[in-house]
N, C-alpha and C. Protein backbone atom coordinates (compact mmCIF):
# COMPACT_ATOMS: atom_id res chain seq x y z
N MET A 1 -2.85 -4.36 35.55
CA MET A 1 -3.52 -4.79 34.12
C MET A 1 -3.11 -6.29 34.13
N ASP A 2 -4.21 -6.95 33.89
CA ASP A 2 -4.52 -8.47 33.42
C ASP A 2 -4.41 -8.54 32.47
N LEU A 3 -2.97 -9.15 31.75
CA LEU A 3 -2.65 -9.59 30.25
C LEU A 3 -3.28 -10.39 29.60
N ARG A 4 -4.25 -11.23 30.14
CA ARG A 4 -5.05 -11.99 29.88
C ARG A 4 -6.30 -11.64 29.25
N SER A 5 -7.01 -10.59 30.11
CA SER A 5 -7.78 -9.96 29.31
C SER A 5 -7.72 -8.71 28.57
N TYR A 6 -6.90 -8.09 28.76
CA TYR A 6 -5.92 -7.18 27.58
C TYR A 6 -5.87 -7.91 26.13
N TYR A 7 -5.25 -8.59 26.14
CA TYR A 7 -4.92 -9.79 25.04
C TYR A 7 -6.21 -10.26 24.57
N LYS A 8 -7.18 -10.51 25.16
CA LYS A 8 -8.46 -10.76 24.41
C LYS A 8 -8.87 -10.16 24.21
N LYS A 9 -8.94 -8.69 24.88
CA LYS A 9 -9.59 -7.62 23.74
C LYS A 9 -9.22 -7.53 22.60
N VAL A 10 -7.80 -7.38 22.81
CA VAL A 10 -7.05 -7.01 21.47
C VAL A 10 -7.23 -8.08 20.51
N LYS A 11 -7.53 -9.25 20.75
CA LYS A 11 -7.97 -10.34 19.94
C LYS A 11 -9.30 -10.15 19.32
N GLU A 12 -10.27 -9.69 20.06
CA GLU A 12 -11.46 -9.44 19.63
C GLU A 12 -11.56 -8.12 18.84
N ALA A 13 -10.90 -7.27 19.26
CA ALA A 13 -11.04 -6.16 18.48
C ALA A 13 -10.62 -6.27 17.11
N GLU A 14 -9.08 -6.87 16.86
CA GLU A 14 -8.79 -7.35 15.79
C GLU A 14 -9.59 -8.18 14.55
N GLU A 15 -10.28 -9.26 15.43
CA GLU A 15 -11.40 -10.00 14.65
C GLU A 15 -12.61 -9.10 14.00
N GLN A 16 -12.54 -8.17 14.73
CA GLN A 16 -14.07 -7.55 14.43
C GLN A 16 -13.61 -6.29 13.08
N LEU A 17 -12.23 -5.96 13.03
CA LEU A 17 -11.57 -5.21 11.75
C LEU A 17 -11.37 -5.74 10.54
N GLN A 18 -11.87 -5.03 9.29
CA GLN A 18 -11.52 -5.60 8.09
C GLN A 18 -10.96 -4.71 7.42
N GLY A 19 -9.57 -5.48 6.51
CA GLY A 19 -8.71 -4.47 6.15
C GLY A 19 -7.29 -4.33 6.66
N GLU A 20 -6.51 -4.04 6.22
CA GLU A 20 -5.14 -4.15 6.36
C GLU A 20 -4.48 -3.11 6.80
N TYR A 21 -5.01 -1.98 6.55
CA TYR A 21 -4.57 -0.84 7.56
C TYR A 21 -5.88 0.23 7.41
N LEU A 22 -5.85 0.79 8.23
CA LEU A 22 -7.38 1.56 8.96
C LEU A 22 -6.71 2.53 9.54
N VAL A 23 -7.57 3.62 9.30
CA VAL A 23 -7.71 5.01 9.51
C VAL A 23 -8.26 5.17 10.92
N MET A 24 -7.42 5.55 12.13
CA MET A 24 -7.53 6.02 13.31
C MET A 24 -8.42 7.29 13.68
N VAL A 25 -8.85 7.74 14.68
CA VAL A 25 -8.97 9.08 15.32
C VAL A 25 -8.93 8.91 16.74
N SER A 26 -7.94 9.44 17.15
CA SER A 26 -7.32 9.49 18.59
C SER A 26 -8.17 10.36 19.77
N PHE A 27 -8.15 9.89 21.08
CA PHE A 27 -9.03 10.24 21.87
C PHE A 27 -7.88 11.10 22.75
N ALA A 28 -8.47 12.20 23.14
CA ALA A 28 -7.32 12.78 24.61
C ALA A 28 -7.12 11.88 25.35
N THR A 29 -6.01 11.96 25.71
CA THR A 29 -5.55 11.01 26.83
C THR A 29 -4.83 11.65 28.16
N PRO A 30 -5.09 10.59 29.36
CA PRO A 30 -4.14 11.57 30.66
C PRO A 30 -2.60 11.99 30.34
N GLU A 31 -2.15 11.32 29.49
CA GLU A 31 -0.65 11.00 29.08
C GLU A 31 -0.44 12.33 27.68
N GLY A 32 -1.38 12.77 27.67
CA GLY A 32 -0.94 13.96 26.69
C GLY A 32 -1.86 13.71 25.45
N GLY A 33 -2.02 12.81 24.91
CA GLY A 33 -2.62 12.44 23.65
C GLY A 33 -3.87 13.15 23.24
N LYS A 34 -3.80 13.54 22.23
CA LYS A 34 -4.88 14.92 21.55
C LYS A 34 -5.99 14.14 20.87
N ASP A 35 -6.87 15.04 21.19
CA ASP A 35 -7.85 14.17 20.17
C ASP A 35 -8.32 14.71 19.00
N GLY A 36 -8.88 13.48 18.06
CA GLY A 36 -9.28 14.04 16.83
C GLY A 36 -7.92 13.80 15.95
N VAL A 37 -7.10 13.80 16.43
CA VAL A 37 -5.66 13.00 15.71
C VAL A 37 -6.04 11.98 14.41
N LYS A 38 -6.07 12.49 13.29
CA LYS A 38 -6.00 11.12 12.31
C LYS A 38 -4.57 10.71 11.97
N THR A 39 -4.56 9.03 12.05
CA THR A 39 -3.61 8.44 11.40
C THR A 39 -3.93 6.88 10.79
N GLU A 40 -3.08 6.42 9.78
CA GLU A 40 -3.21 5.07 9.23
C GLU A 40 -2.34 4.30 10.02
N VAL A 41 -2.97 3.35 10.30
CA VAL A 41 -2.13 2.24 11.38
C VAL A 41 -2.47 0.93 10.75
N PRO A 42 -1.92 -0.46 10.86
CA PRO A 42 -1.81 -1.51 10.52
C PRO A 42 -2.80 -2.12 11.52
N ARG A 43 -3.63 -3.22 11.24
CA ARG A 43 -4.73 -3.88 11.92
C ARG A 43 -4.59 -4.06 13.18
N ARG A 44 -3.33 -4.79 13.82
CA ARG A 44 -3.06 -5.20 14.48
C ARG A 44 -3.04 -4.00 15.60
N LEU A 45 -1.96 -3.12 15.47
CA LEU A 45 -2.11 -1.80 16.21
C LEU A 45 -3.13 -1.36 16.38
N ALA A 46 -4.52 -1.23 15.43
CA ALA A 46 -5.37 -0.42 15.76
C ALA A 46 -6.46 -1.11 16.50
N ALA A 47 -6.32 -2.58 16.46
CA ALA A 47 -7.21 -3.65 17.58
C ALA A 47 -6.53 -3.11 19.17
N GLN A 48 -5.21 -2.81 19.04
CA GLN A 48 -4.33 -2.31 20.29
C GLN A 48 -4.97 -1.15 20.95
N LEU A 49 -5.26 0.10 19.89
CA LEU A 49 -5.73 1.13 20.54
C LEU A 49 -7.29 1.00 20.55
N ILE A 50 -8.04 0.40 19.86
CA ILE A 50 -9.22 0.34 20.83
C ILE A 50 -9.08 -0.50 21.85
N ALA A 51 -8.78 -1.49 21.98
CA ALA A 51 -8.89 -2.22 23.24
C ALA A 51 -8.17 -1.05 24.48
N GLU A 52 -6.87 -0.51 24.13
CA GLU A 52 -6.67 0.27 25.55
C GLU A 52 -7.45 1.87 25.43
N GLY A 53 -8.52 1.99 24.87
CA GLY A 53 -9.22 2.94 24.35
C GLY A 53 -8.82 4.18 24.36
N ARG A 54 -7.61 4.42 23.23
CA ARG A 54 -6.78 5.71 23.08
C ARG A 54 -7.20 5.93 21.51
N ALA A 55 -8.09 5.40 20.90
CA ALA A 55 -8.59 5.58 19.41
C ALA A 55 -9.66 5.07 19.06
N ARG A 56 -10.56 5.82 18.00
CA ARG A 56 -11.58 4.79 17.38
C ARG A 56 -11.66 4.87 15.89
N ILE A 57 -11.87 3.96 14.89
CA ILE A 57 -12.31 3.75 13.85
C ILE A 57 -12.59 4.96 13.00
N ALA A 58 -12.13 5.72 12.06
CA ALA A 58 -12.43 6.74 11.70
C ALA A 58 -13.51 6.04 10.64
N SER A 59 -14.63 7.33 10.67
CA SER A 59 -15.84 7.11 9.56
C SER A 59 -15.40 7.18 8.15
N ASP A 60 -16.41 6.65 7.67
CA ASP A 60 -15.75 6.56 5.93
C ASP A 60 -15.32 8.10 5.50
N ASP A 61 -16.42 9.01 6.15
CA ASP A 61 -16.07 10.55 5.22
C ASP A 61 -14.63 11.22 6.07
N GLU A 62 -14.56 10.33 7.33
CA GLU A 62 -13.46 11.09 7.99
C GLU A 62 -12.18 10.45 7.32
N ALA A 63 -12.24 9.10 6.75
CA ALA A 63 -10.85 8.62 6.20
C ALA A 63 -10.82 9.05 4.68
N ILE A 64 -11.84 9.27 3.86
CA ILE A 64 -11.57 10.14 2.72
C ILE A 64 -11.14 11.38 3.12
N LEU A 65 -11.48 12.50 3.75
CA LEU A 65 -10.50 13.49 4.19
C LEU A 65 -9.25 13.40 4.59
N PHE A 66 -8.89 12.23 5.22
CA PHE A 66 -7.26 11.98 5.84
C PHE A 66 -6.76 11.86 4.32
N TYR A 67 -7.11 10.84 3.62
CA TYR A 67 -6.51 10.38 2.07
C TYR A 67 -6.63 11.42 1.70
N ASP A 68 -7.16 12.51 1.17
CA ASP A 68 -6.96 13.88 0.38
C ASP A 68 -6.11 14.93 0.63
N ALA A 69 -6.46 14.95 1.91
CA ALA A 69 -5.60 15.61 2.52
C ALA A 69 -3.63 15.05 2.61
N ASN A 70 -3.74 13.85 2.65
CA ASN A 70 -2.10 13.16 2.35
C ASN A 70 -2.19 13.10 0.94
N ARG A 71 -2.70 13.28 -0.12
CA ARG A 71 -2.45 13.18 -1.37
C ARG A 71 -2.16 14.67 -1.75
N GLU A 72 -3.07 15.86 -1.32
CA GLU A 72 -2.46 17.28 -1.49
C GLU A 72 -1.01 17.48 -1.10
N ALA A 73 -1.21 17.22 0.26
CA ALA A 73 0.32 17.34 0.93
C ALA A 73 1.55 16.90 0.03
N LEU A 74 1.35 15.57 -0.36
CA LEU A 74 2.16 14.80 -1.26
C LEU A 74 2.38 15.60 -2.76
N LEU A 75 1.29 16.11 -3.19
CA LEU A 75 1.83 17.01 -4.18
C LEU A 75 2.18 18.26 -4.19
N GLN A 76 1.99 18.59 -3.01
CA GLN A 76 2.76 20.06 -2.92
C GLN A 76 4.01 19.94 -2.05
N HIS A 77 4.60 18.70 -2.07
CA HIS A 77 6.04 18.28 -1.62
C HIS A 77 6.66 18.31 -3.08
N GLN A 78 5.74 17.42 -3.81
CA GLN A 78 6.49 16.94 -5.12
C GLN A 78 6.83 18.39 -5.87
N GLN A 79 5.93 19.17 -6.00
CA GLN A 79 5.86 20.41 -6.42
C GLN A 79 7.47 21.49 -5.97
N ASP A 80 7.18 21.51 -4.38
CA ASP A 80 8.38 22.25 -3.98
C ASP A 80 9.74 21.41 -4.43
N GLU A 81 9.56 19.96 -4.09
CA GLU A 81 11.22 19.40 -4.33
C GLU A 81 11.44 19.91 -5.91
N ALA A 82 10.43 19.77 -6.98
CA ALA A 82 10.51 20.00 -8.38
C ALA A 82 11.08 21.40 -8.25
N ALA A 83 10.64 22.03 -7.82
CA ALA A 83 10.93 23.81 -7.72
C ALA A 83 12.52 24.05 -7.38
N ARG A 84 12.68 23.38 -6.24
CA ARG A 84 14.01 23.52 -5.47
C ARG A 84 15.17 23.02 -6.39
N ARG A 85 15.11 22.32 -7.40
CA ARG A 85 16.16 21.31 -8.40
C ARG A 85 16.38 22.42 -9.78
N VAL A 86 15.50 22.97 -9.48
CA VAL A 86 15.60 24.04 -11.13
C VAL A 86 16.78 24.63 -10.94
N GLN A 87 17.60 24.73 -11.89
CA GLN A 87 18.84 25.06 -11.76
C GLN A 87 18.89 26.37 -12.92
N VAL A 88 19.25 27.64 -12.15
CA VAL A 88 19.52 28.71 -13.34
C VAL A 88 20.94 29.05 -13.50
N MET A 89 20.93 29.50 -15.10
CA MET A 89 22.43 30.00 -15.23
C MET A 89 22.42 31.06 -15.43
N VAL A 90 23.37 32.16 -15.12
CA VAL A 90 23.34 33.61 -15.29
C VAL A 90 24.58 33.38 -16.32
N ILE A 91 24.31 34.29 -17.74
CA ILE A 91 25.34 34.46 -19.03
C ILE A 91 25.43 35.92 -18.70
N PRO A 92 26.51 36.95 -18.62
CA PRO A 92 26.65 38.20 -19.26
C PRO A 92 25.95 38.39 -20.55
N SER A 93 25.53 39.33 -20.83
CA SER A 93 24.62 39.34 -22.21
C SER A 93 26.08 39.72 -23.54
N SER A 94 27.64 40.15 -22.71
CA SER A 94 28.71 40.55 -23.41
C SER A 94 28.91 38.96 -23.93
N GLU A 95 28.79 37.87 -23.31
CA GLU A 95 29.02 36.70 -23.69
C GLU A 95 28.32 35.88 -24.70
N LEU A 96 26.97 36.73 -24.69
CA LEU A 96 26.06 36.03 -25.65
C LEU A 96 26.31 36.68 -27.21
N ARG A 97 26.99 38.09 -27.05
CA ARG A 97 27.00 38.53 -28.05
C ARG A 97 28.57 38.40 -28.82
N LYS A 98 29.27 37.64 -28.57
CA LYS A 98 30.60 37.32 -28.93
C LYS A 98 30.34 36.63 -30.16
N PRO A 99 30.86 36.75 -31.42
CA PRO A 99 30.86 35.83 -32.55
C PRO A 99 31.95 34.78 -32.11
N LYS A 100 31.27 33.45 -32.87
CA LYS A 100 31.41 32.17 -32.71
C LYS A 100 33.05 31.95 -33.34
N GLU A 101 33.94 31.24 -32.90
CA GLU A 101 35.12 30.95 -33.55
C GLU A 101 34.93 29.67 -34.45
N ARG A 102 35.52 29.87 -35.92
CA ARG A 102 35.18 28.62 -36.53
C ARG A 102 36.82 27.99 -36.57
N THR A 103 36.85 26.83 -36.35
CA THR A 103 37.96 25.94 -36.44
C THR A 103 37.77 24.91 -37.41
């Protein structure tokens, strides 16, 4: 691979991209890359993925679905963590009925 042409492709792709982070959709690759996997990456990495032919920029609808799915996953995780932190103390009923001692 000619490194000059590779970095020229990366630079051209990066100049066309807008925004600091982009949602990318992967292509199937011979190395085992799966088709249709969405992820958010910095602009430089997005340009590299485009230049290598490993991914494309997600459409606006795909990006919205990606962010919505991540938001829902975060909320579910936060709920699971809150439920895990709940502490329960079991007190026998005989302890509840004891008269309090005055001092």
